[in-house]
Amino acid sequence: MTEMAAAPAFDSDEALTATVLAVPGVDAVFAPSRLPAAVPLVAAALVGQNPHLINRVSSTEQDGVTVITARIATQQAIPTPETARSVADTLRARTHGTNSTIRIQVSRII
C-alpha cells in the first residue's frame, strides 16, 4: 500500500487554491475526488470548521513525490483544455524544483 503523508512545506493548500482560482477560465475549485486526500477535509468540515476547507486544492506526499490534485470548474469563454493546461503550468511553476505530480480534473464546464 502506498503511504501518504501531510501536505509538503513548499506551499499551503489554501495558497495553491488561491493560485488556481486566479487562473483565467477557472470558475471554482472542488474537493479532491481521491478518497484518501479528501478524508481530512471532509472530517474538518463535519466537526464545524470552515466548510470551505472541503473545496480546495490538495497536496500530499506519496512515496517521496508531492502530489497536487485540483478539481476545477471552467468557464466556456476559454477552451477547457487550455484552462486545464494553464492550471497545471501555474502549479508546476509554484512547485518548481520539487519532485511533484500535478493532477487536474475538470468536474464542470459553466
N, C-alpha and C. Protein backbone atom coordinates (compact mmCIF):
# COMPACT_ATOMS: atom_id res chain seq x y z
N MET A 1 0.84 -1.18 0.00
CA MET A 1 0.00 0.00 0.00
C MET A 1 0.88 1.24 0.00
N THR A 2 0.45 2.24 -0.73
CA THR A 2 1.21 3.47 -0.83
C THR A 2 0.96 4.35 0.38
N GLU A 3 2.02 4.85 0.96
CA GLU A 3 1.91 5.70 2.14
C GLU A 3 1.71 7.14 1.72
N MET A 4 0.75 7.81 2.35
CA MET A 4 0.50 9.22 2.08
C MET A 4 0.69 10.00 3.37
N ALA A 5 1.28 11.16 3.26
CA ALA A 5 1.54 11.99 4.44
C ALA A 5 0.89 13.34 4.26
N ALA A 6 1.09 14.20 5.22
CA ALA A 6 0.51 15.55 5.19
C ALA A 6 1.12 16.37 4.06
N ALA A 7 0.54 17.52 3.86
CA ALA A 7 0.97 18.42 2.80
C ALA A 7 2.44 18.81 2.97
N PRO A 8 3.15 19.00 1.86
CA PRO A 8 4.55 19.39 1.92
C PRO A 8 4.70 20.84 2.37
N ALA A 9 5.91 21.20 2.74
CA ALA A 9 6.17 22.53 3.30
C ALA A 9 6.28 23.63 2.25
N PHE A 10 6.37 23.32 0.95
CA PHE A 10 6.63 24.36 -0.04
C PHE A 10 5.50 25.37 -0.18
N ASP A 11 4.27 24.99 0.08
CA ASP A 11 3.13 25.89 -0.06
C ASP A 11 1.93 25.29 0.64
N SER A 12 1.01 26.10 1.09
CA SER A 12 -0.18 25.58 1.74
C SER A 12 -1.25 25.27 0.70
N ASP A 13 -2.17 24.38 1.05
CA ASP A 13 -3.27 24.06 0.15
C ASP A 13 -4.11 25.30 -0.14
N GLU A 14 -4.26 26.16 0.86
CA GLU A 14 -5.04 27.38 0.67
C GLU A 14 -4.36 28.30 -0.35
N ALA A 15 -3.05 28.41 -0.28
CA ALA A 15 -2.32 29.25 -1.24
C ALA A 15 -2.40 28.65 -2.64
N LEU A 16 -2.30 27.32 -2.73
CA LEU A 16 -2.43 26.67 -4.04
C LEU A 16 -3.83 26.87 -4.61
N THR A 17 -4.85 26.81 -3.74
CA THR A 17 -6.22 27.03 -4.18
C THR A 17 -6.40 28.44 -4.72
N ALA A 18 -5.87 29.43 -4.00
CA ALA A 18 -5.95 30.82 -4.46
C ALA A 18 -5.24 30.98 -5.80
N THR A 19 -4.13 30.30 -5.97
CA THR A 19 -3.38 30.35 -7.23
C THR A 19 -4.23 29.80 -8.37
N VAL A 20 -4.88 28.66 -8.13
CA VAL A 20 -5.71 28.04 -9.17
C VAL A 20 -6.90 28.93 -9.50
N LEU A 21 -7.54 29.49 -8.48
CA LEU A 21 -8.71 30.35 -8.72
C LEU A 21 -8.34 31.61 -9.50
N ALA A 22 -7.08 32.02 -9.46
CA ALA A 22 -6.64 33.21 -10.18
C ALA A 22 -6.35 32.93 -11.66
N VAL A 23 -6.33 31.68 -12.06
CA VAL A 23 -6.06 31.33 -13.46
C VAL A 23 -7.29 31.69 -14.31
N PRO A 24 -7.10 32.46 -15.39
CA PRO A 24 -8.23 32.81 -16.25
C PRO A 24 -8.93 31.55 -16.76
N GLY A 25 -10.26 31.56 -16.67
CA GLY A 25 -11.05 30.42 -17.13
C GLY A 25 -11.50 29.49 -16.02
N VAL A 26 -10.88 29.60 -14.83
CA VAL A 26 -11.29 28.77 -13.70
C VAL A 26 -12.43 29.47 -12.97
N ASP A 27 -13.54 28.75 -12.78
CA ASP A 27 -14.69 29.32 -12.11
C ASP A 27 -14.79 28.88 -10.65
N ALA A 28 -14.33 27.65 -10.34
CA ALA A 28 -14.42 27.14 -8.97
C ALA A 28 -13.43 26.00 -8.78
N VAL A 29 -13.17 25.68 -7.51
CA VAL A 29 -12.35 24.53 -7.13
C VAL A 29 -13.22 23.64 -6.26
N PHE A 30 -13.14 22.33 -6.48
CA PHE A 30 -13.93 21.37 -5.71
C PHE A 30 -13.01 20.48 -4.89
N ALA A 31 -13.62 19.75 -3.96
CA ALA A 31 -12.87 18.80 -3.13
C ALA A 31 -12.21 17.74 -4.01
N PRO A 32 -11.04 17.27 -3.59
CA PRO A 32 -10.38 16.22 -4.35
C PRO A 32 -11.26 14.98 -4.41
N SER A 33 -11.23 14.31 -5.55
CA SER A 33 -12.08 13.13 -5.71
C SER A 33 -11.45 11.88 -5.11
N ARG A 34 -10.16 11.89 -4.91
CA ARG A 34 -9.48 10.73 -4.33
C ARG A 34 -9.78 10.68 -2.84
N LEU A 35 -10.38 9.62 -2.41
CA LEU A 35 -10.82 9.49 -1.02
C LEU A 35 -9.73 9.75 0.00
N PRO A 36 -8.52 9.18 -0.12
CA PRO A 36 -7.51 9.45 0.91
C PRO A 36 -7.19 10.94 1.06
N ALA A 37 -7.19 11.67 -0.05
CA ALA A 37 -6.89 13.10 0.02
C ALA A 37 -8.06 13.89 0.59
N ALA A 38 -9.29 13.41 0.39
CA ALA A 38 -10.46 14.16 0.81
C ALA A 38 -10.85 13.92 2.26
N VAL A 39 -10.49 12.80 2.85
CA VAL A 39 -10.95 12.44 4.19
C VAL A 39 -10.66 13.52 5.24
N PRO A 40 -9.44 14.03 5.36
CA PRO A 40 -9.20 15.06 6.39
C PRO A 40 -10.02 16.32 6.17
N LEU A 41 -10.25 16.68 4.91
CA LEU A 41 -11.00 17.89 4.61
C LEU A 41 -12.47 17.73 4.99
N VAL A 42 -13.05 16.60 4.62
CA VAL A 42 -14.45 16.34 4.94
C VAL A 42 -14.62 16.24 6.46
N ALA A 43 -13.72 15.57 7.13
CA ALA A 43 -13.81 15.44 8.60
C ALA A 43 -13.76 16.81 9.26
N ALA A 44 -12.89 17.68 8.80
CA ALA A 44 -12.78 19.02 9.38
C ALA A 44 -14.08 19.80 9.17
N ALA A 45 -14.67 19.69 8.01
CA ALA A 45 -15.91 20.41 7.74
C ALA A 45 -17.06 19.87 8.58
N LEU A 46 -17.08 18.56 8.80
CA LEU A 46 -18.16 17.94 9.56
C LEU A 46 -18.14 18.30 11.05
N VAL A 47 -16.98 18.59 11.59
CA VAL A 47 -16.89 18.93 13.02
C VAL A 47 -17.03 20.43 13.26
N GLY A 48 -17.53 21.15 12.27
CA GLY A 48 -17.86 22.55 12.47
C GLY A 48 -16.82 23.54 12.01
N GLN A 49 -15.74 23.08 11.45
CA GLN A 49 -14.77 24.03 10.93
C GLN A 49 -15.31 24.62 9.62
N ASN A 50 -14.59 25.53 9.08
CA ASN A 50 -14.98 26.22 7.86
C ASN A 50 -15.34 25.24 6.74
N PRO A 51 -16.57 25.28 6.22
CA PRO A 51 -16.96 24.35 5.16
C PRO A 51 -16.18 24.56 3.87
N HIS A 52 -15.58 25.72 3.73
CA HIS A 52 -14.79 25.98 2.53
C HIS A 52 -13.48 25.18 2.52
N LEU A 53 -13.16 24.54 3.64
CA LEU A 53 -11.98 23.68 3.68
C LEU A 53 -12.12 22.50 2.72
N ILE A 54 -13.36 22.11 2.44
CA ILE A 54 -13.57 20.97 1.56
C ILE A 54 -13.17 21.30 0.13
N ASN A 55 -13.54 22.49 -0.33
CA ASN A 55 -13.31 22.86 -1.72
C ASN A 55 -11.97 23.57 -1.86
N ARG A 56 -10.95 22.77 -2.06
CA ARG A 56 -9.62 23.35 -2.23
C ARG A 56 -8.71 22.36 -2.95
N VAL A 57 -7.58 22.86 -3.36
CA VAL A 57 -6.54 22.03 -3.97
C VAL A 57 -5.92 21.20 -2.85
N SER A 58 -5.56 19.97 -3.16
CA SER A 58 -4.98 19.08 -2.16
C SER A 58 -3.53 18.76 -2.53
N SER A 59 -2.65 18.84 -1.55
CA SER A 59 -1.26 18.42 -1.77
C SER A 59 -0.90 17.38 -0.71
N THR A 60 -0.30 16.30 -1.16
CA THR A 60 0.11 15.21 -0.27
C THR A 60 1.48 14.72 -0.71
N GLU A 61 2.12 13.99 0.18
CA GLU A 61 3.37 13.32 -0.14
C GLU A 61 3.05 11.84 -0.35
N GLN A 62 3.51 11.28 -1.44
CA GLN A 62 3.26 9.88 -1.76
C GLN A 62 4.56 9.28 -2.29
N ASP A 63 5.16 8.41 -1.51
CA ASP A 63 6.43 7.77 -1.89
C ASP A 63 7.50 8.79 -2.29
N GLY A 64 7.59 9.88 -1.53
CA GLY A 64 8.61 10.89 -1.79
C GLY A 64 8.28 11.86 -2.91
N VAL A 65 7.09 11.76 -3.47
CA VAL A 65 6.66 12.65 -4.55
C VAL A 65 5.50 13.51 -4.04
N THR A 66 5.56 14.79 -4.28
CA THR A 66 4.45 15.67 -3.94
C THR A 66 3.38 15.52 -5.01
N VAL A 67 2.17 15.17 -4.57
CA VAL A 67 1.05 15.01 -5.50
C VAL A 67 0.07 16.15 -5.23
N ILE A 68 -0.16 16.96 -6.25
CA ILE A 68 -1.10 18.08 -6.14
C ILE A 68 -2.30 17.74 -7.01
N THR A 69 -3.48 17.75 -6.38
CA THR A 69 -4.71 17.40 -7.07
C THR A 69 -5.65 18.59 -7.05
N ALA A 70 -6.14 18.97 -8.22
CA ALA A 70 -7.09 20.08 -8.34
C ALA A 70 -8.26 19.65 -9.19
N ARG A 71 -9.47 19.76 -8.64
CA ARG A 71 -10.70 19.55 -9.41
C ARG A 71 -11.30 20.93 -9.63
N ILE A 72 -11.54 21.26 -10.89
CA ILE A 72 -11.95 22.62 -11.22
C ILE A 72 -13.24 22.64 -12.04
N ALA A 73 -13.89 23.80 -12.01
CA ALA A 73 -14.96 24.15 -12.94
C ALA A 73 -14.37 25.20 -13.88
N THR A 74 -14.65 25.06 -15.15
CA THR A 74 -14.12 26.01 -16.12
C THR A 74 -15.25 26.80 -16.75
N GLN A 75 -14.89 27.95 -17.30
CA GLN A 75 -15.85 28.81 -17.99
C GLN A 75 -15.78 28.53 -19.48
N GLN A 76 -16.91 28.59 -20.16
CA GLN A 76 -16.95 28.31 -21.59
C GLN A 76 -16.19 29.33 -22.43
N ALA A 77 -15.97 30.52 -21.90
CA ALA A 77 -15.33 31.58 -22.66
C ALA A 77 -13.91 31.22 -23.08
N ILE A 78 -13.25 30.37 -22.31
CA ILE A 78 -11.89 29.91 -22.63
C ILE A 78 -11.96 28.40 -22.80
N PRO A 79 -11.38 27.85 -23.86
CA PRO A 79 -11.44 26.39 -24.06
C PRO A 79 -10.94 25.63 -22.81
N THR A 80 -11.70 24.63 -22.42
CA THR A 80 -11.38 23.86 -21.21
C THR A 80 -9.99 23.25 -21.23
N PRO A 81 -9.54 22.63 -22.34
CA PRO A 81 -8.17 22.09 -22.32
C PRO A 81 -7.11 23.17 -22.08
N GLU A 82 -7.35 24.35 -22.62
CA GLU A 82 -6.41 25.46 -22.42
C GLU A 82 -6.39 25.87 -20.95
N THR A 83 -7.56 25.94 -20.33
CA THR A 83 -7.64 26.30 -18.92
C THR A 83 -6.95 25.26 -18.05
N ALA A 84 -7.23 23.98 -18.31
CA ALA A 84 -6.60 22.91 -17.52
C ALA A 84 -5.08 22.95 -17.67
N ARG A 85 -4.62 23.18 -18.87
CA ARG A 85 -3.18 23.27 -19.11
C ARG A 85 -2.58 24.46 -18.36
N SER A 86 -3.29 25.60 -18.36
CA SER A 86 -2.81 26.78 -17.64
C SER A 86 -2.73 26.52 -16.14
N VAL A 87 -3.73 25.81 -15.60
CA VAL A 87 -3.70 25.46 -14.17
C VAL A 87 -2.49 24.59 -13.87
N ALA A 88 -2.27 23.57 -14.69
CA ALA A 88 -1.12 22.67 -14.48
C ALA A 88 0.19 23.44 -14.57
N ASP A 89 0.31 24.31 -15.57
CA ASP A 89 1.55 25.09 -15.73
C ASP A 89 1.77 26.02 -14.53
N THR A 90 0.70 26.63 -14.05
CA THR A 90 0.80 27.53 -12.90
C THR A 90 1.23 26.77 -11.65
N LEU A 91 0.65 25.60 -11.43
CA LEU A 91 1.04 24.80 -10.26
C LEU A 91 2.47 24.29 -10.40
N ARG A 92 2.88 23.91 -11.60
CA ARG A 92 4.28 23.49 -11.81
C ARG A 92 5.24 24.62 -11.46
N ALA A 93 4.88 25.84 -11.84
CA ALA A 93 5.73 27.00 -11.53
C ALA A 93 5.85 27.20 -10.02
N ARG A 94 4.75 26.96 -9.28
CA ARG A 94 4.77 27.11 -7.82
C ARG A 94 5.59 26.02 -7.15
N THR A 95 5.71 24.86 -7.79
CA THR A 95 6.42 23.72 -7.20
C THR A 95 7.77 23.49 -7.87
N HIS A 96 8.23 24.45 -8.61
CA HIS A 96 9.50 24.31 -9.33
C HIS A 96 10.62 23.84 -8.40
N GLY A 97 11.35 22.85 -8.85
CA GLY A 97 12.47 22.34 -8.07
C GLY A 97 12.08 21.21 -7.12
N THR A 98 10.81 20.82 -7.12
CA THR A 98 10.39 19.71 -6.27
C THR A 98 10.01 18.53 -7.15
N ASN A 99 10.08 17.35 -6.59
CA ASN A 99 9.65 16.15 -7.27
C ASN A 99 8.14 16.07 -7.11
N SER A 100 7.40 16.49 -8.15
CA SER A 100 5.95 16.59 -7.98
C SER A 100 5.19 16.06 -9.19
N THR A 101 3.95 15.68 -8.91
CA THR A 101 2.99 15.27 -9.92
C THR A 101 1.79 16.17 -9.78
N ILE A 102 1.32 16.70 -10.89
CA ILE A 102 0.16 17.59 -10.89
C ILE A 102 -1.01 16.83 -11.53
N ARG A 103 -2.13 16.76 -10.82
CA ARG A 103 -3.34 16.10 -11.34
C ARG A 103 -4.45 17.14 -11.43
N ILE A 104 -4.98 17.33 -12.64
CA ILE A 104 -6.06 18.27 -12.86
C ILE A 104 -7.27 17.48 -13.36
N GLN A 105 -8.42 17.70 -12.72
CA GLN A 105 -9.65 17.08 -13.17
C GLN A 105 -10.68 18.18 -13.37
N VAL A 106 -11.31 18.16 -14.54
CA VAL A 106 -12.38 19.13 -14.81
C VAL A 106 -13.69 18.45 -14.43
N SER A 107 -14.37 19.03 -13.45
CA SER A 107 -15.62 18.45 -12.94
C SER A 107 -16.86 19.14 -13.50
N ARG A 108 -16.68 20.34 -13.99
CA ARG A 108 -17.84 21.07 -14.50
C ARG A 108 -17.37 22.13 -15.49
N ILE A 109 -18.16 22.32 -16.55
CA ILE A 109 -17.93 23.40 -17.50
C ILE A 109 -19.15 24.32 -17.43
N ILE A 110 -18.91 25.57 -17.10
CA ILE A 110 -20.00 26.52 -16.88
C ILE A 110 -20.13 27.45 -18.07
